């Protein structure tokens, strides 16, 4: 695959994977994907899923680009940081989801996005 296309495709793929999880869980399985936000409960919709996935994917890509310029083992450093961020990101669904179904779906979504990004971005 063309190197200049690989990383954007991985970031986009992570967003698509998260959207697939949302589509299976919410419209198909009927899970109410609700979280506690600021003033009260809020539904997590497809736009939020895609935007959040793209933001974290682009941030991860940017960090990797910086590490490739300054670190002797950028892939290894990036993978450790990315896995730490993934573990910390799970605190969101654990503390903010409304109900067990929403918590399960959000955890799966985080793991899917993290898996795509960690598995794809650090590889050369």
C-alpha atoms as a PDB file:
ATOM      1  CA  UNK A   1       0.000   0.000   0.000  1.00  0.00           C
ATOM      2  CA  UNK A   2       1.165   3.530  -0.736  1.00  0.00           C
ATOM      3  CA  UNK A   3       2.858   4.872   2.421  1.00  0.00           C
ATOM      4  CA  UNK A   4       1.252   8.297   2.063  1.00  0.00           C
ATOM      5  CA  UNK A   5      -2.225   6.723   2.075  1.00  0.00           C
ATOM      6  CA  UNK A   6      -1.746   4.073   4.756  1.00  0.00           C
ATOM      7  CA  UNK A   7      -2.011   6.234   7.862  1.00  0.00           C
ATOM      8  CA  UNK A   8      -5.014   8.307   6.730  1.00  0.00           C
ATOM      9  CA  UNK A   9      -6.766   5.061   5.795  1.00  0.00           C
ATOM     10  CA  UNK A  10      -6.026   3.608   9.235  1.00  0.00           C
ATOM     11  CA  UNK A  11      -7.416   6.693  10.988  1.00  0.00           C
ATOM     12  CA  UNK A  12     -10.490   6.614   8.745  1.00  0.00           C
ATOM     13  CA  UNK A  13     -10.810   2.867   9.251  1.00  0.00           C
ATOM     14  CA  UNK A  14     -10.876   3.330  13.021  1.00  0.00           C
ATOM     15  CA  UNK A  15     -13.761   5.788  12.648  1.00  0.00           C
ATOM     16  CA  UNK A  16     -15.629   3.433  10.317  1.00  0.00           C
ATOM     17  CA  UNK A  17     -15.089   0.516  12.714  1.00  0.00           C
ATOM     18  CA  UNK A  18     -16.504   2.562  15.594  1.00  0.00           C
ATOM     19  CA  UNK A  19     -19.485   3.537  13.453  1.00  0.00           C
ATOM     20  CA  UNK A  20     -20.125  -0.129  12.622  1.00  0.00           C
ATOM     21  CA  UNK A  21     -20.164  -0.968  16.350  1.00  0.00           C
ATOM     22  CA  UNK A  22     -22.598   1.904  16.926  1.00  0.00           C
ATOM     23  CA  UNK A  23     -24.820   0.781  14.022  1.00  0.00           C
ATOM     24  CA  UNK A  24     -25.016  -2.803  15.270  1.00  0.00           C
ATOM     25  CA  UNK A  25     -25.614  -1.786  18.876  1.00  0.00           C
ATOM     26  CA  UNK A  26     -28.003   1.128  18.566  1.00  0.00           C
ATOM     27  CA  UNK A  27     -30.321   0.828  15.544  1.00  0.00           C
ATOM     28  CA  UNK A  28     -30.025  -2.958  15.144  1.00  0.00           C
ATOM     29  CA  UNK A  29     -29.797  -4.250  18.735  1.00  0.00           C
ATOM     30  CA  UNK A  30     -31.699  -1.337  20.283  1.00  0.00           C
ATOM     31  CA  UNK A  31     -29.149  -0.373  22.940  1.00  0.00           C
ATOM     32  CA  UNK A  32     -29.755   3.083  24.378  1.00  0.00           C
ATOM     33  CA  UNK A  33     -26.280   4.573  24.079  1.00  0.00           C
ATOM     34  CA  UNK A  34     -26.532   7.236  26.762  1.00  0.00           C
ATOM     35  CA  UNK A  35     -23.831   8.913  28.851  1.00  0.00           C
ATOM     36  CA  UNK A  36     -23.776  11.419  31.706  1.00  0.00           C
ATOM     37  CA  UNK A  37     -22.539  14.734  30.300  1.00  0.00           C
ATOM     38  CA  UNK A  38     -22.434  18.068  32.115  1.00  0.00           C
ATOM     39  CA  UNK A  39     -26.087  18.887  32.705  1.00  0.00           C
ATOM     40  CA  UNK A  40     -27.525  15.404  32.348  1.00  0.00           C
ATOM     41  CA  UNK A  41     -27.828  12.321  30.180  1.00  0.00           C
ATOM     42  CA  UNK A  42     -27.005  12.616  26.502  1.00  0.00           C
ATOM     43  CA  UNK A  43     -27.444  10.192  23.620  1.00  0.00           C
ATOM     44  CA  UNK A  44     -24.282   9.206  21.741  1.00  0.00           C
ATOM     45  CA  UNK A  45     -25.044   9.527  18.046  1.00  0.00           C
ATOM     46  CA  UNK A  46     -23.140   8.557  14.920  1.00  0.00           C
ATOM     47  CA  UNK A  47     -21.618  12.022  14.405  1.00  0.00           C
ATOM     48  CA  UNK A  48     -20.143  11.987  17.916  1.00  0.00           C
ATOM     49  CA  UNK A  49     -18.729   8.515  17.333  1.00  0.00           C
ATOM     50  CA  UNK A  50     -17.048   9.484  14.061  1.00  0.00           C
ATOM     51  CA  UNK A  51     -15.738  12.846  15.293  1.00  0.00           C
ATOM     52  CA  UNK A  52     -14.300  11.388  18.515  1.00  0.00           C
ATOM     53  CA  UNK A  53     -12.654   8.539  16.609  1.00  0.00           C
ATOM     54  CA  UNK A  54     -11.141  10.895  14.040  1.00  0.00           C
ATOM     55  CA  UNK A  55      -9.869  13.305  16.693  1.00  0.00           C
ATOM     56  CA  UNK A  56      -8.106  10.590  18.676  1.00  0.00           C
ATOM     57  CA  UNK A  57      -6.790   8.980  15.487  1.00  0.00           C
ATOM     58  CA  UNK A  58      -5.370  12.260  14.205  1.00  0.00           C
ATOM     59  CA  UNK A  59      -3.856  13.029  17.620  1.00  0.00           C
ATOM     60  CA  UNK A  60      -2.215   9.606  17.675  1.00  0.00           C
ATOM     61  CA  UNK A  61      -0.877  10.078  14.164  1.00  0.00           C
ATOM     62  CA  UNK A  62       0.511  13.510  15.091  1.00  0.00           C
ATOM     63  CA  UNK A  63       2.233  12.101  18.178  1.00  0.00           C
ATOM     64  CA  UNK A  64       3.750   9.312  16.102  1.00  0.00           C
ATOM     65  CA  UNK A  65       5.023  11.841  13.546  1.00  0.00           C
ATOM     66  CA  UNK A  66       6.734  13.822  16.311  1.00  0.00           C
ATOM     67  CA  UNK A  67       8.214  10.681  17.862  1.00  0.00           C
ATOM     68  CA  UNK A  68       9.587   9.606  14.475  1.00  0.00           C
ATOM     69  CA  UNK A  69      11.623  12.814  14.442  1.00  0.00           C
ATOM     70  CA  UNK A  70      12.891  12.743  18.035  1.00  0.00           C
ATOM     71  CA  UNK A  71      12.872   9.179  19.398  1.00  0.00           C
ATOM     72  CA  UNK A  72      15.251   6.347  18.635  1.00  0.00           C
ATOM     73  CA  UNK A  73      12.424   3.767  18.795  1.00  0.00           C
ATOM     74  CA  UNK A  74       9.317   5.754  17.851  1.00  0.00           C
ATOM     75  CA  UNK A  75       7.071   2.763  17.175  1.00  0.00           C
ATOM     76  CA  UNK A  76       7.733   1.210  20.554  1.00  0.00           C
ATOM     77  CA  UNK A  77       7.329   4.499  22.453  1.00  0.00           C
ATOM     78  CA  UNK A  78       4.143   5.309  20.538  1.00  0.00           C
ATOM     79  CA  UNK A  79       2.665   1.873  21.201  1.00  0.00           C
ATOM     80  CA  UNK A  80       3.274   2.151  24.953  1.00  0.00           C
ATOM     81  CA  UNK A  81       1.748   5.638  25.060  1.00  0.00           C
ATOM     82  CA  UNK A  82      -1.196   4.582  22.875  1.00  0.00           C
ATOM     83  CA  UNK A  83      -1.964   1.549  25.050  1.00  0.00           C
ATOM     84  CA  UNK A  84      -1.805   3.710  28.183  1.00  0.00           C
ATOM     85  CA  UNK A  85      -4.224   6.195  26.590  1.00  0.00           C
ATOM     86  CA  UNK A  86      -6.522   3.326  25.595  1.00  0.00           C
ATOM     87  CA  UNK A  87      -6.602   1.975  29.154  1.00  0.00           C
ATOM     88  CA  UNK A  88      -7.282   5.449  30.556  1.00  0.00           C
ATOM     89  CA  UNK A  89     -10.007   6.027  27.959  1.00  0.00           C
ATOM     90  CA  UNK A  90     -11.937   3.090  29.403  1.00  0.00           C
ATOM     91  CA  UNK A  91     -12.559   5.151  32.533  1.00  0.00           C
ATOM     92  CA  UNK A  92     -15.039   7.232  30.495  1.00  0.00           C
ATOM     93  CA  UNK A  93     -17.483   4.403  29.784  1.00  0.00           C
ATOM     94  CA  UNK A  94     -16.958   2.901  33.235  1.00  0.00           C
ATOM     95  CA  UNK A  95     -17.902   6.145  34.959  1.00  0.00           C
ATOM     96  CA  UNK A  96     -20.145   7.893  32.467  1.00  0.00           C
ATOM     97  CA  UNK A  97     -22.323   5.308  30.753  1.00  0.00           C
ATOM     98  CA  UNK A  98     -25.988   5.072  31.681  1.00  0.00           C
ATOM     99  CA  UNK A  99     -26.631   1.362  32.132  1.00  0.00           C
ATOM    100  CA  UNK A 100     -24.757  -1.838  31.485  1.00  0.00           C
ATOM    101  CA  UNK A 101     -25.637  -2.037  27.805  1.00  0.00           C
ATOM    102  CA  UNK A 102     -24.288   1.423  27.082  1.00  0.00           C
ATOM    103  CA  UNK A 103     -21.159   0.699  29.123  1.00  0.00           C
ATOM    104  CA  UNK A 104     -20.507  -2.525  27.218  1.00  0.00           C
ATOM    105  CA  UNK A 105     -20.983  -0.916  23.809  1.00  0.00           C
ATOM    106  CA  UNK A 106     -18.764   2.051  24.670  1.00  0.00           C
ATOM    107  CA  UNK A 107     -16.019  -0.233  25.986  1.00  0.00           C
ATOM    108  CA  UNK A 108     -16.167  -2.303  22.797  1.00  0.00           C
ATOM    109  CA  UNK A 109     -16.073   0.893  20.741  1.00  0.00           C
ATOM    110  CA  UNK A 110     -12.990   2.149  22.601  1.00  0.00           C
ATOM    111  CA  UNK A 111     -11.252  -1.213  22.199  1.00  0.00           C
ATOM    112  CA  UNK A 112     -12.075  -1.395  18.487  1.00  0.00           C
ATOM    113  CA  UNK A 113     -10.779   2.101  17.765  1.00  0.00           C
ATOM    114  CA  UNK A 114      -7.721   1.494  19.923  1.00  0.00           C
ATOM    115  CA  UNK A 115      -7.062  -1.850  18.272  1.00  0.00           C
ATOM    116  CA  UNK A 116      -7.219  -0.400  14.766  1.00  0.00           C
ATOM    117  CA  UNK A 117      -5.004   2.544  15.657  1.00  0.00           C
ATOM    118  CA  UNK A 118      -2.437   0.635  17.722  1.00  0.00           C
ATOM    119  CA  UNK A 119      -2.342  -2.230  15.275  1.00  0.00           C
ATOM    120  CA  UNK A 120      -2.040  -0.005  12.244  1.00  0.00           C
ATOM    121  CA  UNK A 121      -0.279   3.262  12.953  1.00  0.00           C
ATOM    122  CA  UNK A 122       2.963   2.055  14.500  1.00  0.00           C
ATOM    123  CA  UNK A 123       3.687  -0.479  11.748  1.00  0.00           C
ATOM    124  CA  UNK A 124       6.013   0.653   9.019  1.00  0.00           C
END
